[in-house]
Amino acid sequence: MVSQVVLLDTGPLSLATNPKYSSKSLDCTQWLQGLAASGTRIIVPEIADYELRRELLRADKVRGIAQLDALENLLEYLPITTIAMRRAAEFWAQARQQGQPTASDRTIDGDMILAGQASSMGVAEVVVATTNVGHLSRFVAADLWQNISPQTSH
């Protein structure tokens, strides 16, 4: 049986590592624990780490950085590759050619890099867990993190 692969976008990654517990962050943590218990591969893409870490560093949130590091030690980490960046560039150009850019032309557009990472993995059952499906779902399988259950096909 092929194992489901879930890539965490910045939103769920932020919720799961937030040291200020809220009902939503606790729900997200329990969701991750359920996925892990089912054997789902849970992956932190480098672009999501970058987006969250830069904000934690800017705000000097030491506990948040420690939580992020701790979670990443438990999960799989997906470095950015040349193949992923080239796919991201293709997605970025395609979105603009269709008149539907996902970010301003001057931004790095992390969503396209995340889509590039997901699409370059060569895994059939990969889905991006996010808090904003719109941009990502045009290029890769993506769903709200709350909607992803173990072994759900997308």
N, C-alpha and C. Protein backbone atom coordinates (compact mmCIF):
# COMPACT_ATOMS: atom_id res chain seq x y z
N MET A 1 0.84 -1.18 0.00
CA MET A 1 0.00 0.00 0.00
C MET A 1 0.89 1.25 0.00
N VAL A 2 0.51 2.22 -0.82
CA VAL A 2 1.25 3.47 -0.92
C VAL A 2 0.87 4.36 0.25
N SER A 3 1.87 4.88 0.91
CA SER A 3 1.63 5.74 2.07
C SER A 3 1.25 7.15 1.61
N GLN A 4 0.30 7.73 2.29
CA GLN A 4 -0.10 9.10 2.02
C GLN A 4 1.02 10.03 2.46
N VAL A 5 1.21 11.10 1.70
CA VAL A 5 2.23 12.10 2.01
C VAL A 5 1.53 13.45 2.18
N VAL A 6 1.76 14.09 3.31
CA VAL A 6 1.18 15.41 3.59
C VAL A 6 2.32 16.41 3.77
N LEU A 7 2.32 17.44 2.94
CA LEU A 7 3.26 18.55 3.08
C LEU A 7 2.57 19.66 3.85
N LEU A 8 3.24 20.20 4.84
CA LEU A 8 2.65 21.26 5.66
C LEU A 8 2.96 22.63 5.08
N ASP A 9 1.94 23.38 4.80
CA ASP A 9 2.10 24.78 4.41
C ASP A 9 2.38 25.59 5.68
N THR A 10 2.71 26.84 5.53
CA THR A 10 3.09 27.68 6.66
C THR A 10 1.99 27.81 7.71
N GLY A 11 0.73 27.89 7.29
CA GLY A 11 -0.37 28.05 8.25
C GLY A 11 -0.45 26.93 9.27
N PRO A 12 -0.59 25.67 8.83
CA PRO A 12 -0.63 24.57 9.79
C PRO A 12 0.68 24.41 10.56
N LEU A 13 1.80 24.68 9.91
CA LEU A 13 3.09 24.59 10.59
C LEU A 13 3.15 25.59 11.73
N SER A 14 2.64 26.79 11.49
CA SER A 14 2.60 27.83 12.51
C SER A 14 1.68 27.43 13.66
N LEU A 15 0.52 26.89 13.33
CA LEU A 15 -0.42 26.46 14.38
C LEU A 15 0.19 25.36 15.25
N ALA A 16 0.83 24.40 14.61
CA ALA A 16 1.36 23.24 15.34
C ALA A 16 2.57 23.59 16.21
N THR A 17 3.22 24.70 15.93
CA THR A 17 4.43 25.06 16.69
C THR A 17 4.23 26.28 17.58
N ASN A 18 3.02 26.79 17.63
CA ASN A 18 2.76 27.98 18.43
C ASN A 18 2.77 27.63 19.92
N PRO A 19 3.69 28.21 20.70
CA PRO A 19 3.75 27.89 22.13
C PRO A 19 2.58 28.47 22.93
N LYS A 20 1.84 29.43 22.35
CA LYS A 20 0.65 29.97 22.99
C LYS A 20 -0.53 29.14 22.53
N TYR A 21 -0.89 28.17 23.35
CA TYR A 21 -1.92 27.21 22.96
C TYR A 21 -3.29 27.87 22.82
N SER A 22 -3.91 27.61 21.70
CA SER A 22 -5.29 28.03 21.47
C SER A 22 -6.04 26.77 21.07
N SER A 23 -7.34 26.86 20.99
CA SER A 23 -8.10 25.67 20.60
C SER A 23 -7.70 25.24 19.18
N LYS A 24 -7.44 26.20 18.30
CA LYS A 24 -7.06 25.86 16.93
C LYS A 24 -5.68 25.22 16.88
N SER A 25 -4.73 25.74 17.67
CA SER A 25 -3.39 25.14 17.65
C SER A 25 -3.41 23.75 18.27
N LEU A 26 -4.22 23.55 19.30
CA LEU A 26 -4.34 22.21 19.89
C LEU A 26 -5.01 21.25 18.91
N ASP A 27 -6.03 21.71 18.20
CA ASP A 27 -6.67 20.89 17.17
C ASP A 27 -5.66 20.47 16.11
N CYS A 28 -4.84 21.41 15.69
CA CYS A 28 -3.84 21.13 14.65
C CYS A 28 -2.80 20.12 15.16
N THR A 29 -2.37 20.27 16.40
CA THR A 29 -1.41 19.34 16.98
C THR A 29 -2.00 17.94 17.06
N GLN A 30 -3.25 17.84 17.49
CA GLN A 30 -3.92 16.54 17.56
C GLN A 30 -4.09 15.93 16.17
N TRP A 31 -4.38 16.76 15.20
CA TRP A 31 -4.52 16.30 13.82
C TRP A 31 -3.19 15.71 13.34
N LEU A 32 -2.09 16.42 13.60
CA LEU A 32 -0.78 15.91 13.21
C LEU A 32 -0.46 14.59 13.90
N GLN A 33 -0.76 14.49 15.18
CA GLN A 33 -0.52 13.26 15.92
C GLN A 33 -1.32 12.10 15.33
N GLY A 34 -2.56 12.37 14.92
CA GLY A 34 -3.39 11.34 14.30
C GLY A 34 -2.82 10.88 12.97
N LEU A 35 -2.35 11.82 12.17
CA LEU A 35 -1.73 11.45 10.90
C LEU A 35 -0.48 10.61 11.13
N ALA A 36 0.35 11.05 12.06
CA ALA A 36 1.59 10.33 12.36
C ALA A 36 1.29 8.92 12.84
N ALA A 37 0.29 8.78 13.70
CA ALA A 37 -0.08 7.46 14.24
C ALA A 37 -0.57 6.52 13.14
N SER A 38 -1.13 7.08 12.07
CA SER A 38 -1.65 6.25 10.98
C SER A 38 -0.56 5.84 9.98
N GLY A 39 0.64 6.37 10.16
CA GLY A 39 1.72 6.04 9.23
C GLY A 39 1.84 7.02 8.07
N THR A 40 1.07 8.08 8.09
CA THR A 40 1.17 9.10 7.05
C THR A 40 2.53 9.78 7.13
N ARG A 41 3.16 9.97 5.98
CA ARG A 41 4.42 10.73 5.92
C ARG A 41 4.06 12.21 6.02
N ILE A 42 4.57 12.87 7.03
CA ILE A 42 4.32 14.29 7.22
C ILE A 42 5.63 15.01 6.96
N ILE A 43 5.60 15.95 6.04
CA ILE A 43 6.83 16.60 5.59
C ILE A 43 6.75 18.11 5.76
N VAL A 44 7.83 18.68 6.26
CA VAL A 44 7.97 20.13 6.36
C VAL A 44 8.79 20.57 5.15
N PRO A 45 8.17 21.27 4.20
CA PRO A 45 8.92 21.79 3.06
C PRO A 45 9.79 22.97 3.50
N GLU A 46 10.95 23.08 2.93
CA GLU A 46 11.88 24.15 3.31
C GLU A 46 11.26 25.53 3.15
N ILE A 47 10.44 25.73 2.13
CA ILE A 47 9.85 27.05 1.93
C ILE A 47 8.90 27.41 3.07
N ALA A 48 8.18 26.43 3.62
CA ALA A 48 7.29 26.70 4.75
C ALA A 48 8.11 27.03 6.00
N ASP A 49 9.20 26.29 6.20
CA ASP A 49 10.10 26.60 7.31
C ASP A 49 10.61 28.04 7.18
N TYR A 50 11.05 28.40 5.99
CA TYR A 50 11.58 29.74 5.74
C TYR A 50 10.54 30.82 6.06
N GLU A 51 9.32 30.64 5.54
CA GLU A 51 8.29 31.67 5.75
C GLU A 51 7.96 31.85 7.22
N LEU A 52 7.86 30.74 7.95
CA LEU A 52 7.55 30.83 9.37
C LEU A 52 8.75 31.31 10.18
N ARG A 53 9.91 30.73 9.92
CA ARG A 53 11.11 31.07 10.69
C ARG A 53 11.49 32.54 10.55
N ARG A 54 11.37 33.10 9.35
CA ARG A 54 11.75 34.51 9.17
C ARG A 54 10.89 35.42 10.03
N GLU A 55 9.60 35.08 10.15
CA GLU A 55 8.70 35.90 10.97
C GLU A 55 8.99 35.71 12.45
N LEU A 56 9.27 34.48 12.86
CA LEU A 56 9.62 34.23 14.26
C LEU A 56 10.91 34.96 14.63
N LEU A 57 11.88 34.96 13.74
CA LEU A 57 13.14 35.67 13.99
C LEU A 57 12.91 37.18 14.06
N ARG A 58 12.12 37.70 13.13
CA ARG A 58 11.85 39.13 13.12
C ARG A 58 11.21 39.58 14.43
N ALA A 59 10.27 38.77 14.94
CA ALA A 59 9.55 39.11 16.16
C ALA A 59 10.27 38.64 17.42
N ASP A 60 11.45 38.06 17.24
CA ASP A 60 12.26 37.56 18.36
C ASP A 60 11.47 36.58 19.23
N LYS A 61 10.80 35.66 18.58
CA LYS A 61 9.98 34.65 19.28
C LYS A 61 10.81 33.39 19.47
N VAL A 62 11.62 33.39 20.49
CA VAL A 62 12.57 32.31 20.75
C VAL A 62 11.84 30.99 21.01
N ARG A 63 10.76 31.03 21.78
CA ARG A 63 10.02 29.79 22.07
C ARG A 63 9.39 29.21 20.81
N GLY A 64 8.92 30.07 19.94
CA GLY A 64 8.34 29.60 18.68
C GLY A 64 9.39 28.91 17.81
N ILE A 65 10.59 29.48 17.76
CA ILE A 65 11.68 28.87 17.00
C ILE A 65 12.04 27.51 17.59
N ALA A 66 12.09 27.44 18.92
CA ALA A 66 12.40 26.17 19.59
C ALA A 66 11.32 25.12 19.26
N GLN A 67 10.06 25.53 19.26
CA GLN A 67 8.96 24.61 18.93
C GLN A 67 9.07 24.14 17.47
N LEU A 68 9.41 25.06 16.58
CA LEU A 68 9.58 24.71 15.16
C LEU A 68 10.71 23.70 15.00
N ASP A 69 11.83 23.97 15.64
CA ASP A 69 12.97 23.04 15.56
C ASP A 69 12.61 21.68 16.12
N ALA A 70 11.88 21.66 17.23
CA ALA A 70 11.50 20.40 17.87
C ALA A 70 10.58 19.58 16.95
N LEU A 71 9.61 20.24 16.34
CA LEU A 71 8.70 19.53 15.44
C LEU A 71 9.46 18.99 14.23
N GLU A 72 10.35 19.80 13.68
CA GLU A 72 11.10 19.36 12.51
C GLU A 72 12.03 18.20 12.80
N ASN A 73 12.44 18.05 14.06
CA ASN A 73 13.25 16.89 14.43
C ASN A 73 12.42 15.61 14.44
N LEU A 74 11.11 15.74 14.56
CA LEU A 74 10.22 14.58 14.58
C LEU A 74 9.69 14.21 13.19
N LEU A 75 9.70 15.17 12.29
CA LEU A 75 9.11 14.96 10.97
C LEU A 75 10.19 14.92 9.90
N GLU A 76 9.74 14.64 8.69
CA GLU A 76 10.63 14.66 7.53
C GLU A 76 10.77 16.11 7.05
N TYR A 77 11.93 16.45 6.51
CA TYR A 77 12.20 17.80 6.01
C TYR A 77 12.51 17.69 4.53
N LEU A 78 11.93 18.57 3.73
CA LEU A 78 12.12 18.53 2.28
C LEU A 78 12.88 19.78 1.82
N PRO A 79 14.19 19.63 1.56
CA PRO A 79 14.96 20.78 1.09
C PRO A 79 14.49 21.23 -0.30
N ILE A 80 14.71 22.48 -0.59
CA ILE A 80 14.40 23.01 -1.92
C ILE A 80 15.47 22.52 -2.88
N THR A 81 15.02 22.02 -4.02
CA THR A 81 15.94 21.53 -5.05
C THR A 81 15.84 22.39 -6.30
N THR A 82 16.78 22.21 -7.19
CA THR A 82 16.74 22.91 -8.47
C THR A 82 15.49 22.51 -9.25
N ILE A 83 15.15 21.23 -9.23
CA ILE A 83 13.95 20.77 -9.94
C ILE A 83 12.70 21.46 -9.39
N ALA A 84 12.60 21.55 -8.07
CA ALA A 84 11.45 22.21 -7.45
C ALA A 84 11.38 23.69 -7.84
N MET A 85 12.51 24.35 -7.85
CA MET A 85 12.51 25.78 -8.22
C MET A 85 12.16 25.98 -9.69
N ARG A 86 12.58 25.08 -10.53
CA ARG A 86 12.22 25.20 -11.95
C ARG A 86 10.73 24.96 -12.16
N ARG A 87 10.16 24.01 -11.42
CA ARG A 87 8.71 23.79 -11.48
C ARG A 87 7.99 25.03 -10.95
N ALA A 88 8.50 25.62 -9.87
CA ALA A 88 7.91 26.83 -9.30
C ALA A 88 7.90 27.95 -10.34
N ALA A 89 8.99 28.10 -11.07
CA ALA A 89 9.07 29.14 -12.11
C ALA A 89 8.04 28.88 -13.20
N GLU A 90 7.85 27.61 -13.57
CA GLU A 90 6.84 27.26 -14.57
C GLU A 90 5.44 27.62 -14.07
N PHE A 91 5.15 27.27 -12.81
CA PHE A 91 3.84 27.59 -12.24
C PHE A 91 3.63 29.10 -12.17
N TRP A 92 4.65 29.83 -11.75
CA TRP A 92 4.58 31.29 -11.64
C TRP A 92 4.23 31.89 -13.00
N ALA A 93 4.95 31.46 -14.05
CA ALA A 93 4.72 31.98 -15.40
C ALA A 93 3.33 31.58 -15.89
N GLN A 94 2.94 30.34 -15.65
CA GLN A 94 1.63 29.86 -16.08
C GLN A 94 0.50 30.67 -15.45
N ALA A 95 0.62 30.96 -14.17
CA ALA A 95 -0.41 31.74 -13.47
C ALA A 95 -0.56 33.12 -14.11
N ARG A 96 0.55 33.73 -14.46
CA ARG A 96 0.51 35.05 -15.06
C ARG A 96 0.00 35.00 -16.49
N GLN A 97 0.37 33.98 -17.23
CA GLN A 97 -0.13 33.82 -18.59
C GLN A 97 -1.64 33.64 -18.61
N GLN A 98 -2.17 33.04 -17.55
CA GLN A 98 -3.61 32.84 -17.44
C GLN A 98 -4.32 34.04 -16.82
N GLY A 99 -3.54 35.08 -16.48
CA GLY A 99 -4.11 36.28 -15.88
C GLY A 99 -4.55 36.08 -14.44
N GLN A 100 -3.98 35.08 -13.76
CA GLN A 100 -4.34 34.77 -12.38
C GLN A 100 -3.10 34.63 -11.50
N PRO A 101 -2.32 35.70 -11.35
CA PRO A 101 -1.13 35.60 -10.51
C PRO A 101 -1.49 35.29 -9.06
N THR A 102 -0.61 34.59 -8.38
CA THR A 102 -0.85 34.20 -7.00
C THR A 102 -0.21 35.17 -6.01
N ALA A 103 0.58 36.08 -6.51
CA ALA A 103 1.23 37.11 -5.69
C ALA A 103 1.72 38.20 -6.63
N SER A 104 2.17 39.31 -6.07
CA SER A 104 2.67 40.38 -6.94
C SER A 104 3.95 39.92 -7.64
N ASP A 105 4.23 40.55 -8.75
CA ASP A 105 5.40 40.16 -9.55
C ASP A 105 6.71 40.34 -8.81
N ARG A 106 6.75 41.19 -7.80
CA ARG A 106 7.99 41.48 -7.08
C ARG A 106 8.25 40.55 -5.89
N THR A 107 7.30 39.69 -5.58
CA THR A 107 7.51 38.78 -4.45
C THR A 107 8.11 37.46 -4.93
N ILE A 108 8.70 36.73 -3.99
CA ILE A 108 9.27 35.42 -4.33
C ILE A 108 8.18 34.38 -4.58
N ASP A 109 6.99 34.59 -4.04
CA ASP A 109 5.83 33.73 -4.22
C ASP A 109 6.07 32.33 -3.66
N GLY A 110 6.03 32.26 -2.34
CA GLY A 110 6.25 31.01 -1.63
C GLY A 110 5.27 29.92 -2.02
N ASP A 111 4.02 30.30 -2.38
CA ASP A 111 3.05 29.28 -2.79
C ASP A 111 3.53 28.52 -4.03
N MET A 112 4.12 29.23 -4.97
CA MET A 112 4.60 28.57 -6.18
C MET A 112 5.81 27.67 -5.87
N ILE A 113 6.64 28.09 -4.93
CA ILE A 113 7.77 27.26 -4.53
C ILE A 113 7.27 26.01 -3.82
N LEU A 114 6.27 26.17 -2.96
CA LEU A 114 5.67 25.01 -2.30
C LEU A 114 5.05 24.06 -3.32
N ALA A 115 4.33 24.60 -4.29
CA ALA A 115 3.75 23.77 -5.34
C ALA A 115 4.85 23.07 -6.13
N GLY A 116 5.93 23.78 -6.39
CA GLY A 116 7.08 23.18 -7.08
C GLY A 116 7.68 22.04 -6.28
N GLN A 117 7.80 22.25 -4.96
CA GLN A 117 8.32 21.18 -4.11
C GLN A 117 7.40 19.96 -4.14
N ALA A 118 6.10 20.19 -4.00
CA ALA A 118 5.14 19.09 -3.98
C ALA A 118 5.14 18.32 -5.30
N SER A 119 5.15 19.05 -6.41
CA SER A 119 5.04 18.39 -7.71
C SER A 119 6.32 17.69 -8.14
N SER A 120 7.44 18.07 -7.56
CA SER A 120 8.71 17.46 -7.97
C SER A 120 9.09 16.24 -7.12
N MET A 121 8.24 15.87 -6.18
CA MET A 121 8.54 14.74 -5.31
C MET A 121 8.41 13.39 -6.00
N GLY A 122 7.59 13.33 -7.05
CA GLY A 122 7.38 12.07 -7.73
C GLY A 122 6.55 11.08 -6.92
N VAL A 123 5.65 11.60 -6.09
CA VAL A 123 4.80 10.78 -5.23
C VAL A 123 3.35 11.01 -5.63
N ALA A 124 2.62 9.91 -5.85
CA ALA A 124 1.23 10.03 -6.31
C ALA A 124 0.29 10.58 -5.24
N GLU A 125 0.42 10.12 -4.03
CA GLU A 125 -0.51 10.48 -2.96
C GLU A 125 0.01 11.64 -2.12
N VAL A 126 0.35 12.75 -2.75
CA VAL A 126 0.84 13.90 -2.00
C VAL A 126 -0.22 14.99 -1.98
N VAL A 127 -0.44 15.57 -0.80
CA VAL A 127 -1.39 16.67 -0.66
C VAL A 127 -0.75 17.73 0.24
N VAL A 128 -0.99 18.98 -0.10
CA VAL A 128 -0.50 20.08 0.72
C VAL A 128 -1.60 20.45 1.72
N ALA A 129 -1.26 20.40 3.00
CA ALA A 129 -2.17 20.82 4.06
C ALA A 129 -1.98 22.32 4.26
N THR A 130 -3.05 23.08 4.14
CA THR A 130 -2.93 24.53 4.13
C THR A 130 -4.10 25.18 4.87
N THR A 131 -4.02 26.48 5.00
CA THR A 131 -5.15 27.26 5.52
C THR A 131 -5.77 28.08 4.39
N ASN A 132 -5.18 28.01 3.18
CA ASN A 132 -5.68 28.75 2.03
C ASN A 132 -5.47 27.89 0.78
N VAL A 133 -6.52 27.22 0.36
CA VAL A 133 -6.44 26.26 -0.74
C VAL A 133 -6.30 26.93 -2.10
N GLY A 134 -6.88 28.11 -2.26
CA GLY A 134 -7.03 28.76 -3.56
C GLY A 134 -5.85 28.71 -4.51
N HIS A 135 -4.73 29.28 -4.14
CA HIS A 135 -3.58 29.36 -5.04
C HIS A 135 -2.96 28.00 -5.30
N LEU A 136 -2.80 27.22 -4.28
CA LEU A 136 -2.09 25.95 -4.41
C LEU A 136 -2.86 24.92 -5.22
N SER A 137 -4.17 24.85 -5.02
CA SER A 137 -4.95 23.79 -5.65
C SER A 137 -5.01 23.92 -7.17
N ARG A 138 -4.61 25.04 -7.70
CA ARG A 138 -4.54 25.19 -9.16
C ARG A 138 -3.37 24.40 -9.75
N PHE A 139 -2.41 24.03 -8.91
CA PHE A 139 -1.18 23.41 -9.40
C PHE A 139 -0.89 22.03 -8.81
N VAL A 140 -1.33 21.80 -7.57
CA VAL A 140 -1.10 20.52 -6.89
C VAL A 140 -2.30 20.21 -6.01
N ALA A 141 -2.39 18.96 -5.55
CA ALA A 141 -3.46 18.60 -4.62
C ALA A 141 -3.24 19.36 -3.32
N ALA A 142 -4.26 20.06 -2.88
CA ALA A 142 -4.18 20.84 -1.64
C ALA A 142 -5.57 20.85 -1.00
N ASP A 143 -5.56 20.88 0.33
CA ASP A 143 -6.83 20.94 1.05
C ASP A 143 -6.59 21.62 2.38
N LEU A 144 -7.67 22.11 2.98
CA LEU A 144 -7.56 22.64 4.33
C LEU A 144 -7.08 21.53 5.23
N TRP A 145 -6.18 21.84 6.14
CA TRP A 145 -5.59 20.80 6.98
C TRP A 145 -6.66 20.01 7.72
N GLN A 146 -7.73 20.68 8.13
CA GLN A 146 -8.80 20.01 8.88
C GLN A 146 -9.52 18.95 8.05
N ASN A 147 -9.47 19.08 6.73
CA ASN A 147 -10.17 18.15 5.84
C ASN A 147 -9.35 16.92 5.48
N ILE A 148 -8.09 16.91 5.83
CA ILE A 148 -7.22 15.80 5.46
C ILE A 148 -7.19 14.77 6.58
N SER A 149 -7.70 13.58 6.25
CA SER A 149 -7.64 12.50 7.23
C SER A 149 -6.68 11.43 6.71
N PRO A 150 -6.24 10.58 7.58
CA PRO A 150 -5.31 9.52 7.16
C PRO A 150 -5.84 8.73 5.98
N GLN A 151 -4.98 8.55 4.97
CA GLN A 151 -5.25 7.75 3.78
C GLN A 151 -6.42 8.26 2.96
N THR A 152 -6.71 9.56 3.00
CA THR A 152 -7.72 10.15 2.14
C THR A 152 -7.08 10.36 0.77
N SER A 153 -7.72 9.92 -0.28
CA SER A 153 -7.19 10.12 -1.62
C SER A 153 -7.57 11.49 -2.13
N HIS A 154 -6.65 12.10 -2.84
CA HIS A 154 -6.90 13.42 -3.46
C HIS A 154 -6.51 13.37 -4.90
